[in-house]
């Protein structure tokens, strides 16, 4: 399983990237932070089957590879709660997310890490 989402980049962000009004990484980080809820939703989709909840998401400053492509790290907590089974736990996780910004469309494609899906056990 690998999740992908498309984020809208603000006109101010696109203009800043194209004119290099500020450090590109800072502009991209600002855009990511303004779309934090969508990034949280993408992370949540990785843990939907295990009924884990995502909280405490922190987005680190991205690293550009070339042009407007790069990677950034998110750290977050996964919580599991089940009153019937007396389970209340949380784990700290990190994920590298790659991104590619299309300045003409004003969009950023975010791609999460690949998690292989486990096949069902044979009976």
PDB file of N, CA and C in Angstrom:
ATOM      1  N   UNK A   1       0.854  -1.161   0.000  1.00  0.00           N
ATOM      2  CA  UNK A   1       0.000   0.000   0.000  1.00  0.00           C
ATOM      3  C   UNK A   1       0.906   1.231   0.000  1.00  0.00           C
ATOM      4  N   UNK A   2       0.527   2.184  -0.831  1.00  0.00           N
ATOM      5  CA  UNK A   2       1.236   3.455  -0.871  1.00  0.00           C
ATOM      6  C   UNK A   2       0.209   4.533  -1.146  1.00  0.00           C
ATOM      7  N   UNK A   3       0.168   5.525  -0.299  1.00  0.00           N
ATOM      8  CA  UNK A   3      -0.832   6.578  -0.404  1.00  0.00           C
ATOM      9  C   UNK A   3      -0.276   7.786  -1.144  1.00  0.00           C
ATOM     10  N   UNK A   4      -1.155   8.436  -1.901  1.00  0.00           N
ATOM     11  CA  UNK A   4      -0.811   9.646  -2.644  1.00  0.00           C
ATOM     12  C   UNK A   4      -1.923  10.666  -2.450  1.00  0.00           C
ATOM     13  N   UNK A   5      -1.539  11.932  -2.356  1.00  0.00           N
ATOM     14  CA  UNK A   5      -2.528  13.001  -2.315  1.00  0.00           C
ATOM     15  C   UNK A   5      -2.007  14.179  -3.127  1.00  0.00           C
ATOM     16  N   UNK A   6      -2.927  15.014  -3.552  1.00  0.00           N
ATOM     17  CA  UNK A   6      -2.580  16.240  -4.255  1.00  0.00           C
ATOM     18  C   UNK A   6      -3.042  17.412  -3.405  1.00  0.00           C
ATOM     19  N   UNK A   7      -2.122  18.330  -3.161  1.00  0.00           N
ATOM     20  CA  UNK A   7      -2.430  19.530  -2.386  1.00  0.00           C
ATOM     21  C   UNK A   7      -2.426  20.743  -3.308  1.00  0.00           C
ATOM     22  N   UNK A   8      -3.300  21.672  -3.039  1.00  0.00           N
ATOM     23  CA  UNK A   8      -3.289  22.957  -3.741  1.00  0.00           C
ATOM     24  C   UNK A   8      -2.228  23.835  -3.090  1.00  0.00           C
ATOM     25  N   UNK A   9      -1.439  24.492  -3.911  1.00  0.00           N
ATOM     26  CA  UNK A   9      -0.437  25.429  -3.430  1.00  0.00           C
ATOM     27  C   UNK A   9      -0.990  26.832  -3.658  1.00  0.00           C
ATOM     28  N   UNK A  10      -0.869  27.690  -2.667  1.00  0.00           N
ATOM     29  CA  UNK A  10      -1.419  29.042  -2.770  1.00  0.00           C
ATOM     30  C   UNK A  10      -0.704  29.827  -3.867  1.00  0.00           C
ATOM     31  N   UNK A  11      -1.409  30.812  -4.412  1.00  0.00           N
ATOM     32  CA  UNK A  11      -0.826  31.668  -5.444  1.00  0.00           C
ATOM     33  C   UNK A  11       0.398  32.398  -4.910  1.00  0.00           C
ATOM     34  N   UNK A  12       0.345  32.807  -3.653  1.00  0.00           N
ATOM     35  CA  UNK A  12       1.491  33.477  -3.028  1.00  0.00           C
ATOM     36  C   UNK A  12       2.682  32.520  -2.936  1.00  0.00           C
ATOM     37  N   UNK A  13       2.404  31.256  -2.591  1.00  0.00           N
ATOM     38  CA  UNK A  13       3.462  30.251  -2.513  1.00  0.00           C
ATOM     39  C   UNK A  13       4.108  30.001  -3.864  1.00  0.00           C
ATOM     40  N   UNK A  14       3.288  29.882  -4.902  1.00  0.00           N
ATOM     41  CA  UNK A  14       3.817  29.661  -6.254  1.00  0.00           C
ATOM     42  C   UNK A  14       4.668  30.851  -6.680  1.00  0.00           C
ATOM     43  N   UNK A  15       4.145  32.051  -6.458  1.00  0.00           N
ATOM     44  CA  UNK A  15       4.891  33.257  -6.826  1.00  0.00           C
ATOM     45  C   UNK A  15       6.225  33.305  -6.080  1.00  0.00           C
ATOM     46  N   UNK A  16       6.205  32.987  -4.790  1.00  0.00           N
ATOM     47  CA  UNK A  16       7.433  32.977  -3.998  1.00  0.00           C
ATOM     48  C   UNK A  16       8.440  31.964  -4.507  1.00  0.00           C
ATOM     49  N   UNK A  17       7.956  30.783  -4.911  1.00  0.00           N
ATOM     50  CA  UNK A  17       8.858  29.760  -5.442  1.00  0.00           C
ATOM     51  C   UNK A  17       9.489  30.203  -6.760  1.00  0.00           C
ATOM     52  N   UNK A  18       8.683  30.788  -7.627  1.00  0.00           N
ATOM     53  CA  UNK A  18       9.172  31.183  -8.950  1.00  0.00           C
ATOM     54  C   UNK A  18      10.098  32.390  -8.899  1.00  0.00           C
ATOM     55  N   UNK A  19       9.829  33.317  -7.992  1.00  0.00           N
ATOM     56  CA  UNK A  19      10.663  34.524  -7.907  1.00  0.00           C
ATOM     57  C   UNK A  19      11.762  34.392  -6.873  1.00  0.00           C
ATOM     58  N   UNK A  20      11.770  33.266  -6.163  1.00  0.00           N
ATOM     59  CA  UNK A  20      12.733  33.023  -5.098  1.00  0.00           C
ATOM     60  C   UNK A  20      12.731  34.173  -4.097  1.00  0.00           C
ATOM     61  N   UNK A  21      11.504  34.575  -3.710  1.00  0.00           N
ATOM     62  CA  UNK A  21      11.321  35.660  -2.747  1.00  0.00           C
ATOM     63  C   UNK A  21      11.893  35.304  -1.378  1.00  0.00           C
ATOM     64  N   UNK A  22      11.935  34.022  -1.078  1.00  0.00           N
ATOM     65  CA  UNK A  22      12.493  33.525   0.183  1.00  0.00           C
ATOM     66  C   UNK A  22      13.089  32.148  -0.112  1.00  0.00           C
ATOM     67  N   UNK A  23      13.656  31.537   0.902  1.00  0.00           N
ATOM     68  CA  UNK A  23      14.207  30.199   0.735  1.00  0.00           C
ATOM     69  C   UNK A  23      13.087  29.238   0.305  1.00  0.00           C
ATOM     70  N   UNK A  24      13.330  28.502  -0.778  1.00  0.00           N
ATOM     71  CA  UNK A  24      12.302  27.594  -1.312  1.00  0.00           C
ATOM     72  C   UNK A  24      11.793  26.613  -0.252  1.00  0.00           C
ATOM     73  N   UNK A  25      12.713  26.076   0.542  1.00  0.00           N
ATOM     74  CA  UNK A  25      12.320  25.091   1.547  1.00  0.00           C
ATOM     75  C   UNK A  25      11.357  25.693   2.567  1.00  0.00           C
ATOM     76  N   UNK A  26      11.574  26.953   2.928  1.00  0.00           N
ATOM     77  CA  UNK A  26      10.683  27.619   3.884  1.00  0.00           C
ATOM     78  C   UNK A  26       9.307  27.862   3.287  1.00  0.00           C
ATOM     79  N   UNK A  27       9.270  28.231   2.013  1.00  0.00           N
ATOM     80  CA  UNK A  27       7.983  28.436   1.337  1.00  0.00           C
ATOM     81  C   UNK A  27       7.210  27.123   1.283  1.00  0.00           C
ATOM     82  N   UNK A  28       7.894  26.043   0.921  1.00  0.00           N
ATOM     83  CA  UNK A  28       7.240  24.729   0.822  1.00  0.00           C
ATOM     84  C   UNK A  28       6.768  24.272   2.199  1.00  0.00           C
ATOM     85  N   UNK A  29       7.596  24.461   3.230  1.00  0.00           N
ATOM     86  CA  UNK A  29       7.188  24.086   4.591  1.00  0.00           C
ATOM     87  C   UNK A  29       5.928  24.839   4.994  1.00  0.00           C
ATOM     88  N   UNK A  30       5.857  26.113   4.696  1.00  0.00           N
ATOM     89  CA  UNK A  30       4.667  26.902   5.020  1.00  0.00           C
ATOM     90  C   UNK A  30       3.429  26.331   4.320  1.00  0.00           C
ATOM     91  N   UNK A  31       3.573  25.941   3.065  1.00  0.00           N
ATOM     92  CA  UNK A  31       2.448  25.347   2.324  1.00  0.00           C
ATOM     93  C   UNK A  31       2.047  23.997   2.928  1.00  0.00           C
ATOM     94  N   UNK A  32       3.030  23.202   3.321  1.00  0.00           N
ATOM     95  CA  UNK A  32       2.727  21.906   3.948  1.00  0.00           C
ATOM     96  C   UNK A  32       1.997  22.099   5.270  1.00  0.00           C
ATOM     97  N   UNK A  33       2.461  23.052   6.061  1.00  0.00           N
ATOM     98  CA  UNK A  33       1.812  23.307   7.346  1.00  0.00           C
ATOM     99  C   UNK A  33       0.377  23.808   7.171  1.00  0.00           C
ATOM    100  N   UNK A  34       0.128  24.574   6.111  1.00  0.00           N
ATOM    101  CA  UNK A  34      -1.236  25.052   5.883  1.00  0.00           C
ATOM    102  C   UNK A  34      -2.143  23.927   5.375  1.00  0.00           C
ATOM    103  N   UNK A  35      -1.556  22.805   4.945  1.00  0.00           N
ATOM    104  CA  UNK A  35      -2.321  21.631   4.504  1.00  0.00           C
ATOM    105  C   UNK A  35      -2.128  20.453   5.453  1.00  0.00           C
ATOM    106  N   UNK A  36      -1.798  20.742   6.698  1.00  0.00           N
ATOM    107  CA  UNK A  36      -1.483  19.691   7.675  1.00  0.00           C
ATOM    108  C   UNK A  36      -2.617  18.681   7.848  1.00  0.00           C
ATOM    109  N   UNK A  37      -3.840  19.135   7.848  1.00  0.00           N
ATOM    110  CA  UNK A  37      -4.983  18.224   8.035  1.00  0.00           C
ATOM    111  C   UNK A  37      -5.044  17.182   6.919  1.00  0.00           C
ATOM    112  N   UNK A  38      -4.770  17.593   5.684  1.00  0.00           N
ATOM    113  CA  UNK A  38      -4.782  16.643   4.564  1.00  0.00           C
ATOM    114  C   UNK A  38      -3.645  15.641   4.694  1.00  0.00           C
ATOM    115  N   UNK A  39      -2.510  16.089   5.196  1.00  0.00           N
ATOM    116  CA  UNK A  39      -1.385  15.179   5.415  1.00  0.00           C
ATOM    117  C   UNK A  39      -1.729  14.196   6.531  1.00  0.00           C
ATOM    118  N   UNK A  40      -2.367  14.672   7.594  1.00  0.00           N
ATOM    119  CA  UNK A  40      -2.819  13.784   8.672  1.00  0.00           C
ATOM    120  C   UNK A  40      -3.797  12.741   8.136  1.00  0.00           C
ATOM    121  N   UNK A  41      -4.706  13.147   7.254  1.00  0.00           N
ATOM    122  CA  UNK A  41      -5.659  12.207   6.663  1.00  0.00           C
ATOM    123  C   UNK A  41      -4.945  11.144   5.837  1.00  0.00           C
ATOM    124  N   UNK A  42      -3.900  11.546   5.121  1.00  0.00           N
ATOM    125  CA  UNK A  42      -3.132  10.579   4.338  1.00  0.00           C
ATOM    126  C   UNK A  42      -2.461   9.569   5.264  1.00  0.00           C
ATOM    127  N   UNK A  43      -1.861  10.043   6.348  1.00  0.00           N
ATOM    128  CA  UNK A  43      -1.234   9.144   7.315  1.00  0.00           C
ATOM    129  C   UNK A  43      -2.269   8.209   7.936  1.00  0.00           C
ATOM    130  N   UNK A  44      -3.440   8.750   8.248  1.00  0.00           N
ATOM    131  CA  UNK A  44      -4.509   7.953   8.858  1.00  0.00           C
ATOM    132  C   UNK A  44      -4.899   6.775   7.962  1.00  0.00           C
ATOM    133  N   UNK A  45      -4.868   6.986   6.658  1.00  0.00           N
ATOM    134  CA  UNK A  45      -5.284   5.912   5.745  1.00  0.00           C
ATOM    135  C   UNK A  45      -4.353   4.701   5.829  1.00  0.00           C
ATOM    136  N   UNK A  46      -3.111   4.892   6.268  1.00  0.00           N
ATOM    137  CA  UNK A  46      -2.198   3.754   6.447  1.00  0.00           C
ATOM    138  C   UNK A  46      -2.613   2.874   7.623  1.00  0.00           C
ATOM    139  N   UNK A  47      -3.314   3.442   8.608  1.00  0.00           N
ATOM    140  CA  UNK A  47      -3.635   2.720   9.837  1.00  0.00           C
ATOM    141  C   UNK A  47      -5.132   2.464   9.998  1.00  0.00           C
ATOM    142  N   UNK A  48      -5.890   2.653   8.941  1.00  0.00           N
ATOM    143  CA  UNK A  48      -7.340   2.499   9.013  1.00  0.00           C
ATOM    144  C   UNK A  48      -7.739   1.092   9.449  1.00  0.00           C
ATOM    145  N   UNK A  49      -7.119   0.062   8.852  1.00  0.00           N
ATOM    146  CA  UNK A  49      -7.493  -1.321   9.172  1.00  0.00           C
ATOM    147  C   UNK A  49      -7.219  -1.675  10.625  1.00  0.00           C
ATOM    148  N   UNK A  50      -6.141  -1.123  11.183  1.00  0.00           N
ATOM    149  CA  UNK A  50      -5.816  -1.441  12.582  1.00  0.00           C
ATOM    150  C   UNK A  50      -6.545  -0.516  13.555  1.00  0.00           C
ATOM    151  N   UNK A  51      -7.373   0.358  13.017  1.00  0.00           N
ATOM    152  CA  UNK A  51      -8.164   1.303  13.806  1.00  0.00           C
ATOM    153  C   UNK A  51      -7.303   2.209  14.682  1.00  0.00           C
ATOM    154  N   UNK A  52      -6.114   2.492  14.195  1.00  0.00           N
ATOM    155  CA  UNK A  52      -5.237   3.410  14.922  1.00  0.00           C
ATOM    156  C   UNK A  52      -5.609   4.839  14.590  1.00  0.00           C
ATOM    157  N   UNK A  53      -5.371   5.739  15.539  1.00  0.00           N
ATOM    158  CA  UNK A  53      -5.626   7.152  15.273  1.00  0.00           C
ATOM    159  C   UNK A  53      -4.288   7.866  15.245  1.00  0.00           C
ATOM    160  N   UNK A  54      -4.211   8.900  14.447  1.00  0.00           N
ATOM    161  CA  UNK A  54      -2.984   9.661  14.271  1.00  0.00           C
ATOM    162  C   UNK A  54      -3.105  10.973  15.041  1.00  0.00           C
ATOM    163  N   UNK A  55      -2.063  11.338  15.766  1.00  0.00           N
ATOM    164  CA  UNK A  55      -2.067  12.628  16.457  1.00  0.00           C
ATOM    165  C   UNK A  55      -0.622  13.092  16.656  1.00  0.00           C
ATOM    166  N   UNK A  56      -0.465  14.353  17.002  1.00  0.00           N
ATOM    167  CA  UNK A  56       0.859  14.907  17.256  1.00  0.00           C
ATOM    168  C   UNK A  56       1.746  14.957  16.025  1.00  0.00           C
ATOM    169  N   UNK A  57       1.160  15.261  14.870  1.00  0.00           N
ATOM    170  CA  UNK A  57       1.929  15.289  13.623  1.00  0.00           C
ATOM    171  C   UNK A  57       2.853  16.513  13.591  1.00  0.00           C
ATOM    172  N   UNK A  58       4.129  16.256  13.307  1.00  0.00           N
ATOM    173  CA  UNK A  58       5.126  17.320  13.166  1.00  0.00           C
ATOM    174  C   UNK A  58       5.770  17.179  11.796  1.00  0.00           C
ATOM    175  N   UNK A  59       5.798  18.268  11.059  1.00  0.00           N
ATOM    176  CA  UNK A  59       6.358  18.269   9.713  1.00  0.00           C
ATOM    177  C   UNK A  59       7.706  18.974   9.750  1.00  0.00           C
ATOM    178  N   UNK A  60       8.744  18.286   9.276  1.00  0.00           N
ATOM    179  CA  UNK A  60      10.074  18.877   9.246  1.00  0.00           C
ATOM    180  C   UNK A  60      10.302  19.621   7.933  1.00  0.00           C
ATOM    181  N   UNK A  61      11.274  20.498   7.947  1.00  0.00           N
ATOM    182  CA  UNK A  61      11.618  21.292   6.774  1.00  0.00           C
ATOM    183  C   UNK A  61      12.016  20.355   5.630  1.00  0.00           C
ATOM    184  N   UNK A  62      11.460  20.572   4.441  1.00  0.00           N
ATOM    185  CA  UNK A  62      11.767  19.672   3.325  1.00  0.00           C
ATOM    186  C   UNK A  62      13.183  19.855   2.798  1.00  0.00           C
ATOM    187  N   UNK A  63      13.653  18.821   2.114  1.00  0.00           N
ATOM    188  CA  UNK A  63      14.943  18.866   1.425  1.00  0.00           C
ATOM    189  C   UNK A  63      14.650  18.770  -0.068  1.00  0.00           C
ATOM    190  N   UNK A  64      15.096  19.746  -0.812  1.00  0.00           N
ATOM    191  CA  UNK A  64      14.890  19.734  -2.262  1.00  0.00           C
ATOM    192  C   UNK A  64      15.964  18.886  -2.926  1.00  0.00           C
ATOM    193  N   UNK A  65      15.539  18.107  -3.922  1.00  0.00           N
ATOM    194  CA  UNK A  65      16.486  17.287  -4.680  1.00  0.00           C
ATOM    195  C   UNK A  65      16.833  17.989  -5.984  1.00  0.00           C
ATOM    196  N   UNK A  66      15.820  18.359  -6.746  1.00  0.00           N
ATOM    197  CA  UNK A  66      16.020  19.113  -7.975  1.00  0.00           C
ATOM    198  C   UNK A  66      14.739  19.874  -8.287  1.00  0.00           C
ATOM    199  N   UNK A  67      14.892  21.074  -8.788  1.00  0.00           N
ATOM    200  CA  UNK A  67      13.726  21.884  -9.105  1.00  0.00           C
ATOM    201  C   UNK A  67      12.816  22.035  -7.906  1.00  0.00           C
ATOM    202  N   UNK A  68      11.586  21.568  -8.071  1.00  0.00           N
ATOM    203  CA  UNK A  68      10.596  21.630  -6.999  1.00  0.00           C
ATOM    204  C   UNK A  68      10.215  20.230  -6.527  1.00  0.00           C
ATOM    205  N   UNK A  69      11.170  19.308  -6.579  1.00  0.00           N
ATOM    206  CA  UNK A  69      10.976  17.932  -6.117  1.00  0.00           C
ATOM    207  C   UNK A  69      11.838  17.700  -4.889  1.00  0.00           C
ATOM    208  N   UNK A  70      11.328  16.915  -3.964  1.00  0.00           N
ATOM    209  CA  UNK A  70      12.113  16.642  -2.779  1.00  0.00           C
ATOM    210  C   UNK A  70      11.436  15.684  -1.831  1.00  0.00           C
ATOM    211  N   UNK A  71      11.832  15.771  -0.576  1.00  0.00           N
ATOM    212  CA  UNK A  71      11.335  14.865   0.450  1.00  0.00           C
ATOM    213  C   UNK A  71      11.265  15.630   1.772  1.00  0.00           C
ATOM    214  N   UNK A  72      10.317  15.224   2.621  1.00  0.00           N
ATOM    215  CA  UNK A  72      10.247  15.757   3.974  1.00  0.00           C
ATOM    216  C   UNK A  72       9.839  14.638   4.920  1.00  0.00           C
ATOM    217  N   UNK A  73      10.193  14.819   6.190  1.00  0.00           N
ATOM    218  CA  UNK A  73       9.878  13.808   7.193  1.00  0.00           C
ATOM    219  C   UNK A  73       8.755  14.307   8.082  1.00  0.00           C
ATOM    220  N   UNK A  74       7.833  13.415   8.396  1.00  0.00           N
ATOM    221  CA  UNK A  74       6.809  13.699   9.395  1.00  0.00           C
ATOM    222  C   UNK A  74       7.014  12.728  10.553  1.00  0.00           C
ATOM    223  N   UNK A  75       6.846  13.228  11.750  1.00  0.00           N
ATOM    224  CA  UNK A  75       6.832  12.358  12.922  1.00  0.00           C
ATOM    225  C   UNK A  75       5.448  12.498  13.540  1.00  0.00           C
ATOM    226  N   UNK A  76       4.951  11.402  14.083  1.00  0.00           N
ATOM    227  CA  UNK A  76       3.585  11.384  14.596  1.00  0.00           C
ATOM    228  C   UNK A  76       3.417  10.231  15.577  1.00  0.00           C
ATOM    229  N   UNK A  77       2.307  10.264  16.270  1.00  0.00           N
ATOM    230  CA  UNK A  77       1.962   9.183  17.200  1.00  0.00           C
ATOM    231  C   UNK A  77       0.757   8.423  16.659  1.00  0.00           C
ATOM    232  N   UNK A  78       0.775   7.123  16.891  1.00  0.00           N
ATOM    233  CA  UNK A  78      -0.364   6.263  16.549  1.00  0.00           C
ATOM    234  C   UNK A  78      -0.949   5.786  17.862  1.00  0.00           C
ATOM    235  N   UNK A  79      -2.231   6.007  18.045  1.00  0.00           N
ATOM    236  CA  UNK A  79      -2.882   5.569  19.271  1.00  0.00           C
ATOM    237  C   UNK A  79      -3.903   4.480  18.994  1.00  0.00           C
ATOM    238  N   UNK A  80      -3.937   3.510  19.871  1.00  0.00           N
ATOM    239  CA  UNK A  80      -4.945   2.441  19.799  1.00  0.00           C
ATOM    240  C   UNK A  80      -5.705   2.440  21.120  1.00  0.00           C
ATOM    241  N   UNK A  81      -7.035   2.441  21.023  1.00  0.00           N
ATOM    242  CA  UNK A  81      -7.859   2.392  22.221  1.00  0.00           C
ATOM    243  C   UNK A  81      -9.001   1.416  21.994  1.00  0.00           C
ATOM    244  N   UNK A  82      -9.172   0.498  22.914  1.00  0.00           N
ATOM    245  CA  UNK A  82     -10.277  -0.449  22.881  1.00  0.00           C
ATOM    246  C   UNK A  82     -10.634  -0.744  24.336  1.00  0.00           C
ATOM    247  N   UNK A  83     -11.740  -0.175  24.782  1.00  0.00           N
ATOM    248  CA  UNK A  83     -12.145  -0.335  26.180  1.00  0.00           C
ATOM    249  C   UNK A  83     -12.451  -1.792  26.510  1.00  0.00           C
ATOM    250  N   UNK A  84     -13.070  -2.513  25.585  1.00  0.00           N
ATOM    251  CA  UNK A  84     -13.426  -3.909  25.839  1.00  0.00           C
ATOM    252  C   UNK A  84     -12.190  -4.779  26.065  1.00  0.00           C
ATOM    253  N   UNK A  85     -11.137  -4.522  25.312  1.00  0.00           N
ATOM    254  CA  UNK A  85      -9.916  -5.318  25.444  1.00  0.00           C
ATOM    255  C   UNK A  85      -8.923  -4.679  26.403  1.00  0.00           C
ATOM    256  N   UNK A  86      -9.305  -3.584  27.036  1.00  0.00           N
ATOM    257  CA  UNK A  86      -8.449  -2.857  27.964  1.00  0.00           C
ATOM    258  C   UNK A  86      -7.111  -2.492  27.314  1.00  0.00           C
ATOM    259  N   UNK A  87      -7.206  -1.923  26.104  1.00  0.00           N
ATOM    260  CA  UNK A  87      -6.027  -1.504  25.357  1.00  0.00           C
ATOM    261  C   UNK A  87      -6.049   0.012  25.218  1.00  0.00           C
ATOM    262  N   UNK A  88      -4.968   0.650  25.619  1.00  0.00           N
ATOM    263  CA  UNK A  88      -4.798   2.087  25.428  1.00  0.00           C
ATOM    264  C   UNK A  88      -3.296   2.319  25.272  1.00  0.00           C
ATOM    265  N   UNK A  89      -2.857   2.404  24.031  1.00  0.00           N
ATOM    266  CA  UNK A  89      -1.425   2.528  23.789  1.00  0.00           C
ATOM    267  C   UNK A  89      -1.158   3.534  22.687  1.00  0.00           C
ATOM    268  N   UNK A  90       0.083   3.982  22.625  1.00  0.00           N
ATOM    269  CA  UNK A  90       0.489   4.813  21.497  1.00  0.00           C
ATOM    270  C   UNK A  90       1.961   4.555  21.194  1.00  0.00           C
ATOM    271  N   UNK A  91       2.299   4.705  19.918  1.00  0.00           N
ATOM    272  CA  UNK A  91       3.653   4.488  19.428  1.00  0.00           C
ATOM    273  C   UNK A  91       4.088   5.702  18.633  1.00  0.00           C
ATOM    274  N   UNK A  92       5.368   6.000  18.681  1.00  0.00           N
ATOM    275  CA  UNK A  92       5.923   7.086  17.892  1.00  0.00           C
ATOM    276  C   UNK A  92       6.373   6.512  16.547  1.00  0.00           C
ATOM    277  N   UNK A  93       6.060   7.212  15.473  1.00  0.00           N
ATOM    278  CA  UNK A  93       6.426   6.777  14.126  1.00  0.00           C
ATOM    279  C   UNK A  93       6.983   7.946  13.336  1.00  0.00           C
ATOM    280  N   UNK A  94       7.672   7.629  12.249  1.00  0.00           N
ATOM    281  CA  UNK A  94       8.181   8.623  11.310  1.00  0.00           C
ATOM    282  C   UNK A  94       7.946   8.098   9.898  1.00  0.00           C
ATOM    283  N   UNK A  95       7.784   9.024   8.972  1.00  0.00           N
ATOM    284  CA  UNK A  95       7.610   8.632   7.582  1.00  0.00           C
ATOM    285  C   UNK A  95       8.252   9.687   6.689  1.00  0.00           C
ATOM    286  N   UNK A  96       8.913   9.218   5.633  1.00  0.00           N
ATOM    287  CA  UNK A  96       9.431  10.116   4.616  1.00  0.00           C
ATOM    288  C   UNK A  96       8.386  10.233   3.517  1.00  0.00           C
ATOM    289  N   UNK A  97       8.067  11.441   3.153  1.00  0.00           N
ATOM    290  CA  UNK A  97       7.085  11.692   2.102  1.00  0.00           C
ATOM    291  C   UNK A  97       7.784  12.460   0.988  1.00  0.00           C
ATOM    292  N   UNK A  98       7.681  11.953  -0.225  1.00  0.00           N
ATOM    293  CA  UNK A  98       8.255  12.644  -1.371  1.00  0.00           C
ATOM    294  C   UNK A  98       7.209  13.582  -1.951  1.00  0.00           C
ATOM    295  N   UNK A  99       7.693  14.644  -2.572  1.00  0.00           N
ATOM    296  CA  UNK A  99       6.764  15.596  -3.176  1.00  0.00           C
ATOM    297  C   UNK A  99       7.309  16.099  -4.500  1.00  0.00           C
ATOM    298  N   UNK A 100       6.380  16.510  -5.332  1.00  0.00           N
ATOM    299  CA  UNK A 100       6.698  17.112  -6.616  1.00  0.00           C
ATOM    300  C   UNK A 100       5.698  18.236  -6.828  1.00  0.00           C
ATOM    301  N   UNK A 101       6.208  19.444  -7.021  1.00  0.00           N
ATOM    302  CA  UNK A 101       5.332  20.605  -7.179  1.00  0.00           C
ATOM    303  C   UNK A 101       5.254  20.995  -8.647  1.00  0.00           C
ATOM    304  N   UNK A 102       4.035  21.116  -9.141  1.00  0.00           N
ATOM    305  CA  UNK A 102       3.772  21.592 -10.497  1.00  0.00           C
ATOM    306  C   UNK A 102       3.341  23.049 -10.371  1.00  0.00           C
ATOM    307  N   UNK A 103       4.241  23.960 -10.700  1.00  0.00           N
ATOM    308  CA  UNK A 103       3.946  25.387 -10.527  1.00  0.00           C
ATOM    309  C   UNK A 103       2.891  25.885 -11.508  1.00  0.00           C
ATOM    310  N   UNK A 104       2.767  25.244 -12.657  1.00  0.00           N
ATOM    311  CA  UNK A 104       1.747  25.665 -13.625  1.00  0.00           C
ATOM    312  C   UNK A 104       0.344  25.329 -13.149  1.00  0.00           C
ATOM    313  N   UNK A 105       0.184  24.164 -12.534  1.00  0.00           N
ATOM    314  CA  UNK A 105      -1.123  23.751 -12.013  1.00  0.00           C
ATOM    315  C   UNK A 105      -1.368  24.275 -10.604  1.00  0.00           C
ATOM    316  N   UNK A 106      -0.311  24.683  -9.917  1.00  0.00           N
ATOM    317  CA  UNK A 106      -0.445  25.126  -8.534  1.00  0.00           C
ATOM    318  C   UNK A 106      -0.760  23.978  -7.593  1.00  0.00           C
ATOM    319  N   UNK A 107      -0.133  22.819  -7.866  1.00  0.00           N
ATOM    320  CA  UNK A 107      -0.405  21.619  -7.077  1.00  0.00           C
ATOM    321  C   UNK A 107       0.895  20.940  -6.654  1.00  0.00           C
ATOM    322  N   UNK A 108       0.793  20.205  -5.563  1.00  0.00           N
ATOM    323  CA  UNK A 108       1.904  19.374  -5.094  1.00  0.00           C
ATOM    324  C   UNK A 108       1.396  17.941  -4.949  1.00  0.00           C
ATOM    325  N   UNK A 109       2.119  17.006  -5.552  1.00  0.00           N
ATOM    326  CA  UNK A 109       1.817  15.586  -5.396  1.00  0.00           C
ATOM    327  C   UNK A 109       2.672  15.063  -4.259  1.00  0.00           C
ATOM    328  N   UNK A 110       2.024  14.490  -3.248  1.00  0.00           N
ATOM    329  CA  UNK A 110       2.716  13.897  -2.105  1.00  0.00           C
ATOM    330  C   UNK A 110       2.547  12.395  -2.161  1.00  0.00           C
ATOM    331  N   UNK A 111       3.647  11.672  -1.991  1.00  0.00           N
ATOM    332  CA  UNK A 111       3.616  10.209  -2.026  1.00  0.00           C
ATOM    333  C   UNK A 111       4.255   9.684  -0.756  1.00  0.00           C
ATOM    334  N   UNK A 112       3.487   8.923   0.005  1.00  0.00           N
ATOM    335  CA  UNK A 112       3.981   8.329   1.248  1.00  0.00           C
ATOM    336  C   UNK A 112       4.824   7.097   0.986  1.00  0.00           C
ATOM    337  N   UNK A 113       5.363   6.553   2.049  1.00  0.00           N
ATOM    338  CA  UNK A 113       6.190   5.354   1.942  1.00  0.00           C
ATOM    339  C   UNK A 113       5.351   4.156   1.509  1.00  0.00           C
ATOM    340  N   UNK A 114       6.028   3.179   0.927  1.00  0.00           N
ATOM    341  CA  UNK A 114       5.374   1.940   0.520  1.00  0.00           C
ATOM    342  C   UNK A 114       5.373   0.975   1.698  1.00  0.00           C
ATOM    343  N   UNK A 115       4.189   0.538   2.106  1.00  0.00           N
ATOM    344  CA  UNK A 115       4.042  -0.479   3.138  1.00  0.00           C
ATOM    345  C   UNK A 115       3.486  -1.728   2.461  1.00  0.00           C
ATOM    346  N   UNK A 116       4.256  -2.818   2.390  1.00  0.00           N
ATOM    347  CA  UNK A 116       3.718  -4.032   1.772  1.00  0.00           C
ATOM    348  C   UNK A 116       2.541  -4.562   2.585  1.00  0.00           C
ATOM    349  N   UNK A 117       1.520  -4.974   1.872  1.00  0.00           N
ATOM    350  CA  UNK A 117       0.353  -5.534   2.558  1.00  0.00           C
ATOM    351  C   UNK A 117       0.584  -7.015   2.798  1.00  0.00           C
ATOM    352  N   UNK A 118       0.229  -7.440   3.973  1.00  0.00           N
ATOM    353  CA  UNK A 118       0.408  -8.833   4.357  1.00  0.00           C
ATOM    354  C   UNK A 118      -0.728  -9.674   3.786  1.00  0.00           C
ATOM    355  N   UNK A 119      -0.365 -10.799   3.228  1.00  0.00           N
ATOM    356  CA  UNK A 119      -1.367 -11.722   2.710  1.00  0.00           C
ATOM    357  C   UNK A 119      -2.044 -12.451   3.878  1.00  0.00           C
ATOM    358  N   UNK A 120      -3.291 -12.853   3.702  1.00  0.00           N
ATOM    359  CA  UNK A 120      -3.962 -13.604   4.769  1.00  0.00           C
ATOM    360  C   UNK A 120      -3.234 -14.926   5.065  1.00  0.00           C
ATOM    361  N   UNK A 121      -3.266 -15.338   6.326  1.00  0.00           N
ATOM    362  CA  UNK A 121      -2.662 -16.620   6.690  1.00  0.00           C
ATOM    363  C   UNK A 121      -3.493 -17.759   6.128  1.00  0.00           C
ATOM    364  N   UNK A 122      -2.787 -18.839   5.753  1.00  0.00           N
ATOM    365  CA  UNK A 122      -3.508 -20.026   5.291  1.00  0.00           C
ATOM    366  C   UNK A 122      -4.014 -20.804   6.484  1.00  0.00           C
ATOM    367  N   UNK A 123      -5.158 -21.438   6.284  1.00  0.00           N
ATOM    368  CA  UNK A 123      -5.759 -22.214   7.370  1.00  0.00           C
ATOM    369  C   UNK A 123      -5.412 -23.677   7.212  1.00  0.00           C
TER     370      UNK A 123
END
